[in-house]
C-alpha atoms as a PDB file:
ATOM      1  CA  MET A   1       1.540 -14.574  12.996  1.00  0.00           C
ATOM      2  CA  GLN A   2       2.693 -16.379   9.864  1.00  0.00           C
ATOM      3  CA  LYS A   3       5.437 -18.150  11.863  1.00  0.00           C
ATOM      4  CA  LYS A   4       3.080 -19.341  14.493  1.00  0.00           C
ATOM      5  CA  CYS A   5       0.918 -20.918  11.735  1.00  0.00           C
ATOM      6  CA  VAL A   6       4.005 -22.619  10.288  1.00  0.00           C
ATOM      7  CA  ILE A   7       4.841 -24.055  13.892  1.00  0.00           C
ATOM      8  CA  MET A   8       1.235 -25.198  14.261  1.00  0.00           C
ATOM      9  CA  ILE A   9       1.173 -26.945  10.873  1.00  0.00           C
ATOM     10  CA  LYS A  10       4.253 -28.775  11.750  1.00  0.00           C
ATOM     11  CA  MET A  11       2.540 -29.775  15.067  1.00  0.00           C
ATOM     12  CA  ILE A  12      -0.519 -30.822  13.336  1.00  0.00           C
ATOM     13  CA  LYS A  13       1.569 -33.064  10.830  1.00  0.00           C
ATOM     14  CA  MET A  14       3.250 -34.631  13.869  1.00  0.00           C
ATOM     15  CA  VAL A  15       0.155 -35.609  15.503  1.00  0.00           C
ATOM     16  CA  VAL A  16      -1.379 -37.000  12.238  1.00  0.00           C
ATOM     17  CA  ARG A  17       1.725 -39.003  11.587  1.00  0.00           C
ATOM     18  CA  GLY A  18       1.899 -40.269  15.059  1.00  0.00           C
ATOM     19  CA  ALA A  19       5.214 -38.570  15.797  1.00  0.00           C
ATOM     20  CA  VAL A  20       4.152 -37.564  19.274  1.00  0.00           C
ATOM     21  CA  LYS A  21       5.144 -39.457  22.545  1.00  0.00           C
ATOM     22  CA  GLU A  22       2.421 -41.831  23.769  1.00  0.00           C
ATOM     23  CA  LEU A  23       1.558 -42.660  27.412  1.00  0.00           C
ATOM     24  CA  SER A  24      -1.377 -44.631  28.830  1.00  0.00           C
ATOM     25  CA  SER A  25      -3.636 -42.881  31.251  1.00  0.00           C
ATOM     26  CA  THR A  26      -1.994 -44.907  34.063  1.00  0.00           C
ATOM     27  CA  GLU A  27       1.594 -43.954  33.107  1.00  0.00           C
ATOM     28  CA  ALA A  28       0.406 -40.252  32.839  1.00  0.00           C
ATOM     29  CA  LYS A  29      -1.037 -40.414  36.350  1.00  0.00           C
ATOM     30  CA  THR A  30       1.896 -42.114  37.763  1.00  0.00           C
ATOM     31  CA  HIS A  31       4.592 -40.069  36.022  1.00  0.00           C
ATOM     32  CA  PHE A  32       2.686 -36.663  35.928  1.00  0.00           C
ATOM     33  CA  GLY A  33       5.843 -34.612  36.446  1.00  0.00           C
ATOM     34  CA  ALA A  34       7.652 -36.311  33.578  1.00  0.00           C
ATOM     35  CA  LEU A  35       4.557 -35.921  31.461  1.00  0.00           C
ATOM     36  CA  LEU A  36       4.684 -32.170  31.968  1.00  0.00           C
ATOM     37  CA  ASP A  37       8.425 -32.183  31.228  1.00  0.00           C
ATOM     38  CA  MET A  38       7.659 -34.082  27.942  1.00  0.00           C
ATOM     39  CA  ALA A  39       4.837 -31.804  26.966  1.00  0.00           C
ATOM     40  CA  GLN A  40       7.385 -28.847  27.116  1.00  0.00           C
ATOM     41  CA  ARG A  41       9.288 -30.468  24.228  1.00  0.00           C
ATOM     42  CA  GLU A  42       6.595 -32.040  22.111  1.00  0.00           C
ATOM     43  CA  PRO A  43       2.822 -32.877  22.346  1.00  0.00           C
ATOM     44  CA  VAL A  44       2.051 -36.007  24.222  1.00  0.00           C
ATOM     45  CA  ALA A  45      -0.878 -38.231  23.497  1.00  0.00           C
ATOM     46  CA  ILE A  46      -2.545 -39.879  26.248  1.00  0.00           C
ATOM     47  CA  TYR A  47      -4.448 -43.194  25.676  1.00  0.00           C
ATOM     48  CA  LYS A  48      -7.318 -44.911  27.790  1.00  0.00           C
ATOM     49  CA  LYS A  49      -8.272 -48.470  26.979  1.00  0.00           C
ATOM     50  CA  GLY A  50      -6.361 -48.202  23.680  1.00  0.00           C
ATOM     51  CA  ARG A  51      -7.931 -45.016  22.542  1.00  0.00           C
ATOM     52  CA  ARG A  52      -6.405 -41.614  22.386  1.00  0.00           C
ATOM     53  CA  VAL A  53      -8.437 -39.429  24.721  1.00  0.00           C
ATOM     54  CA  ALA A  54      -6.185 -36.291  25.110  1.00  0.00           C
ATOM     55  CA  VAL A  55      -2.961 -34.546  23.922  1.00  0.00           C
ATOM     56  CA  MET A  56      -1.051 -32.351  26.338  1.00  0.00           C
ATOM     57  CA  LEU A  57       0.594 -29.213  24.885  1.00  0.00           C
ATOM     58  CA  SER A  58       2.863 -26.773  26.335  1.00  0.00           C
ATOM     59  CA  GLN A  59       1.361 -23.447  27.164  1.00  0.00           C
ATOM     60  CA  GLN A  60       3.138 -21.863  24.096  1.00  0.00           C
ATOM     61  CA  GLU A  61       1.852 -24.419  21.712  1.00  0.00           C
ATOM     62  CA  TYR A  62      -1.634 -24.090  23.247  1.00  0.00           C
ATOM     63  CA  GLU A  63      -1.550 -20.285  22.756  1.00  0.00           C
ATOM     64  CA  GLN A  64      -0.470 -20.616  19.270  1.00  0.00           C
ATOM     65  CA  HIS A  65      -3.192 -22.955  18.696  1.00  0.00           C
ATOM     66  CA  GLU A  66      -5.670 -20.458  20.025  1.00  0.00           C
ATOM     67  CA  ILE A  67      -4.358 -17.665  17.908  1.00  0.00           C
ATOM     68  CA  MET A  68      -4.731 -19.927  14.878  1.00  0.00           C
ATOM     69  CA  LYS A  69      -8.355 -20.756  15.610  1.00  0.00           C
ATOM     70  CA  LEU A  70      -9.102 -17.024  16.320  1.00  0.00           C
ATOM     71  CA  ALA A  71      -7.537 -16.120  12.940  1.00  0.00           C
ATOM     72  CA  MET A  72      -9.492 -18.960  11.018  1.00  0.00           C
ATOM     73  CA  LEU A  73     -12.704 -17.410  12.980  1.00  0.00           C
ATOM     74  CA  GLN A  74     -11.938 -13.817  11.755  1.00  0.00           C
ATOM     75  CA  LYS A  75     -11.521 -15.133   8.237  1.00  0.00           C
ATOM     76  CA  ALA A  76     -14.897 -16.848   8.279  1.00  0.00           C
ATOM     77  CA  ILE A  77     -16.538 -13.654   9.727  1.00  0.00           C
ATOM     78  CA  ASP A  78     -14.741 -11.553   7.070  1.00  0.00           C
ATOM     79  CA  LYS A  79     -15.928 -13.966   4.309  1.00  0.00           C
ATOM     80  CA  GLY A  80     -19.465 -13.746   5.680  1.00  0.00           C
ATOM     81  CA  LEU A  81     -19.498 -10.118   5.891  1.00  0.00           C
ATOM     82  CA  ALA A  82     -18.171  -9.767   2.394  1.00  0.00           C
ATOM     83  CA  SER A  83     -20.851 -11.983   1.013  1.00  0.00           C
ATOM     84  CA  GLY A  84     -23.726  -9.767   2.276  1.00  0.00           C
ATOM     85  CA  ILE A  85     -26.578 -10.525   4.370  1.00  0.00           C
ATOM     86  CA  SER A  86     -27.004 -14.188   5.125  1.00  0.00           C
ATOM     87  CA  ASP A  87     -30.198 -16.089   6.185  1.00  0.00           C
ATOM     88  CA  ARG A  88     -27.956 -18.663   8.021  1.00  0.00           C
ATOM     89  CA  SER A  89     -27.803 -18.519  11.797  1.00  0.00           C
ATOM     90  CA  PHE A  90     -24.678 -17.651  13.746  1.00  0.00           C
ATOM     91  CA  ASP A  91     -24.361 -21.333  14.891  1.00  0.00           C
ATOM     92  CA  GLU A  92     -24.703 -22.623  11.405  1.00  0.00           C
ATOM     93  CA  ILE A  93     -21.687 -20.216  10.178  1.00  0.00           C
ATOM     94  CA  ILE A  94     -19.508 -21.305  13.445  1.00  0.00           C
ATOM     95  CA  ALA A  95     -20.423 -24.908  12.638  1.00  0.00           C
ATOM     96  CA  GLN A  96     -19.188 -24.501   9.185  1.00  0.00           C
ATOM     97  CA  ALA A  97     -16.189 -22.621  10.115  1.00  0.00           C
ATOM     98  CA  GLU A  98     -15.297 -25.470  12.814  1.00  0.00           C
ATOM     99  CA  MET A  99     -15.851 -28.156  10.083  1.00  0.00           C
ATOM    100  CA  GLU A 100     -13.610 -26.327   7.675  1.00  0.00           C
ATOM    101  CA  SER A 101     -10.882 -25.848  10.383  1.00  0.00           C
ATOM    102  CA  HIS A 102     -11.142 -29.742  11.059  1.00  0.00           C
ATOM    103  CA  GLN A 103     -10.770 -30.522   7.298  1.00  0.00           C
ATOM    104  CA  ASN A 104      -7.680 -28.116   7.041  1.00  0.00           C
ATOM    105  CA  ASN A 105      -6.167 -30.004   9.833  1.00  0.00           C
ATOM    106  CA  GLY A 106      -6.781 -33.448   8.334  1.00  0.00           C
ATOM    107  CA  GLN A 107      -9.224 -34.384  11.141  1.00  0.00           C
ATOM    108  CA  ALA A 108     -12.420 -34.778   9.157  1.00  0.00           C
END
């Protein structure tokens, strides 16, 4: 699990620094097969009208991302349970966990 988190952190740093391949939505559509091949090697950002609208990842990277999200959710749940009964709603707790996740990933 720790190795997967290290891989995800490296990937997040690459995205934040802009060290990913970039394609316009037109290029992605025209060269979809090549896009799939590129995404197996590294994340590929897709732009539409100059704005990043998507990032394509390999299935392995996506699964690692989902594992990391679940681990962060479990941590938030454990933290909430350890603090005792809360008057906050489940939605508030999830929103806070997501906000902390984005802050940890440098996306806030």
